[in-house]
Amino acid sequence: MNFEVLLIFLALSGSLAFVFAYFIIRLSKYFLNSRYIYFGMSVFFIGIALHSALAFPVLLAGHGFGIIFKNFTGAGFKFGTGELLYFAAAAGIGQEIAKALPFYFELKRTKGKEPSPPFLGLGLNLGLGFSLSEIIFLAFTGWEPNATNFAFSTILLGSWERLSATLFHMSTAGLIAYGIEKRKTALFLVIAILLHFILDSFAGLTANHPVFSIFVEETLLFLFSLSLLIVSILLLKEK
């Protein structure tokens, strides 16, 4: 995408993510928390680093150093089913562990006095911040200064995909936060990693072996993420 398209994508995707997240957080009787939004934005880059550290050796083993020089994102390469599943697992492990770090470090820094429960609401804020950084990251890694003829429908589809990702990141961050609060960190972290693995595996495998149109696929991903978020909030708020 060229610079003008990049700005439109950032504005549309960021606005959709923030507005939807705000209403979901308020409907859940929680509030926006700028500290945890910023925490989420920061730990996204830790998550990407962990994800990359796990994925990079397999990427090099399968495709060599040439993949780095051809395209930073690896776009245009045909990955095998085993690779896609491994990359999905790497994403789940790296990114979901990163979402737990702000709670761990804050509790350690304050000797367990902060943050104050409920952690679920803070997790939702952290997931929003995580997604906002992902939007920025994807926009700039997809920036092609000389690109032309970029259809507006593509921007809309990309923004919708980012909205689904925002709902998903809020879901898993909320689950992890709840698990930390209830001293069941390992259980809820494993659940979040498995959910992330399922989502990324579906996206990767259907990209390699299309079963649905892109519109149907994005609709399914959106419904999955929205349902997961709603169910998570309803179940965890009852406990």
Protein backbone atom coordinates (compact mmCIF):
# COMPACT_ATOMS: atom_id res chain seq x y z
CA MET A 1 0.00 0.00 0.00
CA ASN A 2 1.20 3.52 -0.72
CA PHE A 3 1.35 6.23 1.95
CA GLU A 4 -2.17 7.58 1.31
CA VAL A 5 -3.65 4.10 1.55
CA LEU A 6 -1.60 3.43 4.66
CA LEU A 7 -3.09 6.49 6.37
CA ILE A 8 -6.64 5.51 5.40
CA PHE A 9 -6.08 1.97 6.66
CA LEU A 10 -4.63 3.22 9.96
CA ALA A 11 -7.46 5.69 10.51
CA LEU A 12 -10.25 3.27 9.60
CA SER A 13 -8.84 0.20 11.34
CA GLY A 14 -7.80 2.10 14.46
CA SER A 15 -11.16 3.86 14.74
CA LEU A 16 -13.18 0.67 14.29
CA ALA A 17 -11.06 -1.19 16.83
CA PHE A 18 -11.24 1.56 19.42
CA VAL A 19 -14.97 2.28 19.06
CA PHE A 20 -16.02 -1.38 19.20
CA ALA A 21 -13.68 -2.03 22.13
CA TYR A 22 -14.98 1.01 24.01
CA PHE A 23 -18.61 -0.07 23.75
CA ILE A 24 -17.83 -3.68 24.68
CA ILE A 25 -15.80 -2.59 27.71
CA ARG A 26 -18.51 -0.18 28.87
CA LEU A 27 -21.32 -2.72 28.27
CA SER A 28 -19.32 -5.12 30.44
CA LYS A 29 -19.40 -2.48 33.22
CA TYR A 30 -15.66 -1.84 32.99
CA PHE A 31 -13.81 1.33 31.99
CA LEU A 32 -11.03 2.29 29.62
CA ASN A 33 -7.67 2.16 31.35
CA SER A 34 -4.97 4.09 29.53
CA ARG A 35 -2.15 2.42 31.46
CA TYR A 36 -3.15 -1.04 30.33
CA ILE A 37 -3.84 0.11 26.79
CA TYR A 38 -0.26 1.41 26.69
CA PHE A 39 0.99 -1.79 28.32
CA GLY A 40 -0.76 -3.75 25.56
CA MET A 41 0.76 -1.57 22.86
CA SER A 42 4.23 -2.09 24.35
CA VAL A 43 4.11 -5.85 24.92
CA PHE A 44 2.92 -6.42 21.36
CA PHE A 45 6.52 -5.96 20.26
CA ILE A 46 7.71 -8.44 22.88
CA GLY A 47 5.12 -10.86 21.54
CA ILE A 48 6.32 -10.39 17.98
CA ALA A 49 9.92 -10.92 19.10
CA LEU A 50 9.05 -14.16 20.91
CA HIS A 51 6.90 -15.29 17.98
CA SER A 52 9.74 -14.55 15.54
CA ALA A 53 12.35 -16.28 17.69
CA LEU A 54 10.28 -19.46 17.61
CA ALA A 55 9.35 -19.26 13.93
CA PHE A 56 12.64 -18.02 12.45
CA PRO A 57 14.69 -21.25 12.69
CA VAL A 58 11.97 -23.25 10.94
CA LEU A 59 11.57 -20.52 8.31
CA LEU A 60 15.30 -20.56 7.56
CA ALA A 61 15.49 -24.36 7.56
CA GLY A 62 12.71 -24.60 5.01
CA HIS A 63 13.50 -21.62 2.75
CA GLY A 64 17.00 -20.34 3.49
CA PHE A 65 18.15 -16.77 3.97
CA GLY A 66 16.72 -15.80 0.60
CA ILE A 67 13.29 -15.38 2.13
CA ILE A 68 14.57 -12.44 4.18
CA PHE A 69 15.92 -10.56 1.18
CA LYS A 70 12.91 -11.24 -1.04
CA ASN A 71 10.23 -10.08 1.32
CA PHE A 72 10.33 -9.25 5.04
CA THR A 73 6.88 -10.76 5.64
CA GLY A 74 7.46 -13.89 3.58
CA ALA A 75 4.53 -13.03 1.32
CA GLY A 76 4.50 -14.93 -1.94
CA PHE A 77 6.06 -18.05 -0.46
CA LYS A 78 4.12 -21.29 -0.34
CA PHE A 79 4.36 -22.76 3.13
CA GLY A 80 3.62 -26.41 3.81
CA THR A 81 0.86 -27.54 6.13
CA GLY A 82 3.34 -28.50 8.85
CA GLU A 83 5.01 -25.10 8.65
CA LEU A 84 1.69 -23.27 8.87
CA LEU A 85 0.68 -25.23 11.95
CA TYR A 86 4.05 -24.60 13.57
CA PHE A 87 3.88 -20.86 12.81
CA ALA A 88 0.36 -20.75 14.28
CA ALA A 89 1.65 -22.41 17.45
CA ALA A 90 4.61 -20.00 17.58
CA ALA A 91 2.25 -17.03 17.27
CA GLY A 92 0.03 -18.34 20.02
CA ILE A 93 2.89 -19.03 22.43
CA GLY A 94 4.79 -15.79 21.79
CA GLN A 95 1.87 -13.39 21.71
CA GLU A 96 -0.18 -14.85 24.55
CA ILE A 97 2.80 -15.07 26.92
CA ALA A 98 3.51 -11.40 26.16
CA LYS A 99 -0.03 -10.48 27.25
CA ALA A 100 0.62 -11.92 30.71
CA LEU A 101 3.78 -9.87 31.30
CA PRO A 102 2.23 -6.53 32.42
CA PHE A 103 0.27 -8.27 35.17
CA TYR A 104 3.27 -10.30 36.28
CA PHE A 105 5.62 -7.32 36.45
CA GLU A 106 3.07 -5.00 38.07
CA LEU A 107 2.23 -7.54 40.78
CA LYS A 108 5.93 -8.15 41.39
CA ARG A 109 6.76 -4.43 41.44
CA THR A 110 4.00 -3.59 43.93
CA LYS A 111 4.38 -6.82 45.95
CA GLY A 112 0.89 -7.93 45.01
CA LYS A 113 -0.88 -4.66 45.85
CA GLU A 114 -1.50 -3.56 42.27
CA PRO A 115 -3.34 -3.99 39.99
CA SER A 116 -6.63 -4.19 41.86
CA PRO A 117 -9.26 -6.76 40.82
CA PRO A 118 -11.12 -7.33 38.62
CA PHE A 119 -8.30 -8.16 36.24
CA LEU A 120 -10.72 -9.11 33.43
CA GLY A 121 -11.47 -5.47 32.64
CA LEU A 122 -7.77 -4.65 32.60
CA GLY A 123 -7.18 -7.59 30.26
CA LEU A 124 -9.75 -6.23 27.82
CA ASN A 125 -7.91 -2.90 27.78
CA LEU A 126 -4.57 -4.64 27.32
CA GLY A 127 -5.98 -6.63 24.39
CA LEU A 128 -7.16 -3.40 22.77
CA GLY A 129 -3.69 -1.87 23.09
CA PHE A 130 -2.07 -5.03 21.74
CA SER A 131 -4.30 -4.88 18.67
CA LEU A 132 -3.67 -1.17 18.05
CA SER A 133 0.07 -1.82 17.86
CA GLU A 134 -0.56 -4.76 15.53
CA ILE A 135 -2.55 -2.47 13.22
CA ILE A 136 0.35 -0.01 13.09
CA PHE A 137 2.89 -2.81 12.60
CA LEU A 138 0.99 -4.42 9.73
CA ALA A 139 0.38 -1.08 8.03
CA PHE A 140 4.06 -0.15 7.95
CA THR A 141 5.33 -3.62 7.03
CA GLY A 142 2.86 -3.55 4.12
CA TRP A 143 3.89 -0.08 2.98
CA GLU A 144 4.97 0.03 -0.66
CA PRO A 145 5.70 3.67 -1.63
CA ASN A 146 5.25 3.05 -5.36
CA ALA A 147 2.11 0.90 -5.15
CA THR A 148 -0.88 1.98 -7.24
CA ASN A 149 -4.43 0.85 -8.00
CA PHE A 150 -5.24 -0.19 -4.46
CA ALA A 151 -8.99 -0.88 -4.29
CA PHE A 152 -10.91 0.73 -1.44
CA SER A 153 -12.74 -2.58 -0.94
CA THR A 154 -9.39 -4.10 0.01
CA ILE A 155 -8.93 -1.46 2.70
CA LEU A 156 -12.42 -2.18 4.04
CA LEU A 157 -11.74 -5.90 4.12
CA GLY A 158 -8.40 -5.36 5.85
CA SER A 159 -10.01 -3.08 8.44
CA TRP A 160 -12.73 -5.64 9.10
CA GLU A 161 -10.06 -8.31 9.56
CA ARG A 162 -8.30 -6.05 12.07
CA LEU A 163 -11.57 -5.56 13.95
CA SER A 164 -11.91 -9.33 14.27
CA ALA A 165 -8.32 -9.49 15.51
CA THR A 166 -9.05 -6.78 18.09
CA LEU A 167 -11.99 -8.74 19.49
CA PHE A 168 -9.84 -11.87 19.61
CA HIS A 169 -6.92 -10.19 21.37
CA MET A 170 -9.32 -8.70 23.92
CA SER A 171 -10.77 -12.18 24.51
CA THR A 172 -7.47 -13.94 25.13
CA ALA A 173 -5.98 -11.08 27.16
CA GLY A 174 -9.11 -11.10 29.30
CA LEU A 175 -8.85 -14.85 29.84
CA ILE A 176 -5.19 -14.60 30.83
CA ALA A 177 -5.88 -11.67 33.17
CA TYR A 178 -8.69 -13.60 34.85
CA GLY A 179 -6.45 -16.63 35.23
CA ILE A 180 -3.74 -14.54 36.89
CA GLU A 181 -6.25 -13.01 39.30
CA LYS A 182 -7.61 -16.44 40.29
CA ARG A 183 -4.13 -18.01 40.50
CA LYS A 184 -4.87 -20.29 37.55
CA THR A 185 -2.41 -18.66 35.18
CA ALA A 186 -1.14 -21.83 33.49
CA LEU A 187 -4.64 -23.12 32.72
CA PHE A 188 -5.93 -19.91 31.17
CA LEU A 189 -2.67 -19.23 29.35
CA VAL A 190 -2.85 -22.66 27.72
CA ILE A 191 -6.49 -22.00 26.75
CA ALA A 192 -5.49 -18.67 25.16
CA ILE A 193 -2.60 -20.28 23.27
CA LEU A 194 -4.85 -23.06 21.94
CA LEU A 195 -7.47 -20.56 20.80
CA HIS A 196 -4.78 -18.51 19.06
CA PHE A 197 -3.43 -21.66 17.42
CA ILE A 198 -6.89 -22.62 16.15
CA LEU A 199 -7.57 -19.17 14.71
CA ASP A 200 -4.18 -18.79 12.99
CA SER A 201 -4.25 -22.38 11.70
CA PHE A 202 -7.64 -21.79 10.12
CA ALA A 203 -6.48 -18.56 8.48
CA GLY A 204 -3.22 -20.09 7.24
CA LEU A 205 -4.69 -23.34 5.93
CA THR A 206 -7.60 -21.67 4.13
CA ALA A 207 -5.16 -19.23 2.52
CA ASN A 208 -3.22 -22.22 1.13
CA HIS A 209 -6.29 -24.30 0.32
CA PRO A 210 -9.27 -21.96 -0.17
CA VAL A 211 -12.59 -23.44 0.87
CA PHE A 212 -14.60 -20.23 1.18
CA SER A 213 -14.56 -16.85 -0.50
CA ILE A 214 -12.50 -14.24 1.34
CA PHE A 215 -15.73 -12.53 2.45
CA VAL A 216 -17.13 -15.74 3.96
CA GLU A 217 -13.81 -16.48 5.64
CA GLU A 218 -13.61 -13.03 7.22
CA THR A 219 -17.24 -13.34 8.33
CA LEU A 220 -16.48 -16.63 10.05
CA LEU A 221 -13.41 -15.17 11.76
CA PHE A 222 -15.38 -12.15 12.92
CA LEU A 223 -18.21 -14.28 14.33
CA PHE A 224 -15.74 -16.58 16.06
CA SER A 225 -13.88 -13.67 17.68
CA LEU A 226 -17.05 -11.83 18.70
CA SER A 227 -18.65 -14.99 20.12
CA LEU A 228 -15.47 -15.85 22.04
CA LEU A 229 -15.32 -12.37 23.54
CA ILE A 230 -18.99 -12.34 24.57
CA VAL A 231 -18.90 -15.85 26.03
CA SER A 232 -15.65 -15.14 27.90
CA ILE A 233 -17.02 -11.96 29.48
CA LEU A 234 -20.34 -13.55 30.44
CA LEU A 235 -18.74 -16.67 31.93
CA LEU A 236 -15.93 -14.96 33.79
CA LYS A 237 -18.05 -12.13 35.20
CA GLU A 238 -20.35 -14.71 36.78
CA LYS A 239 -17.54 -16.31 38.78
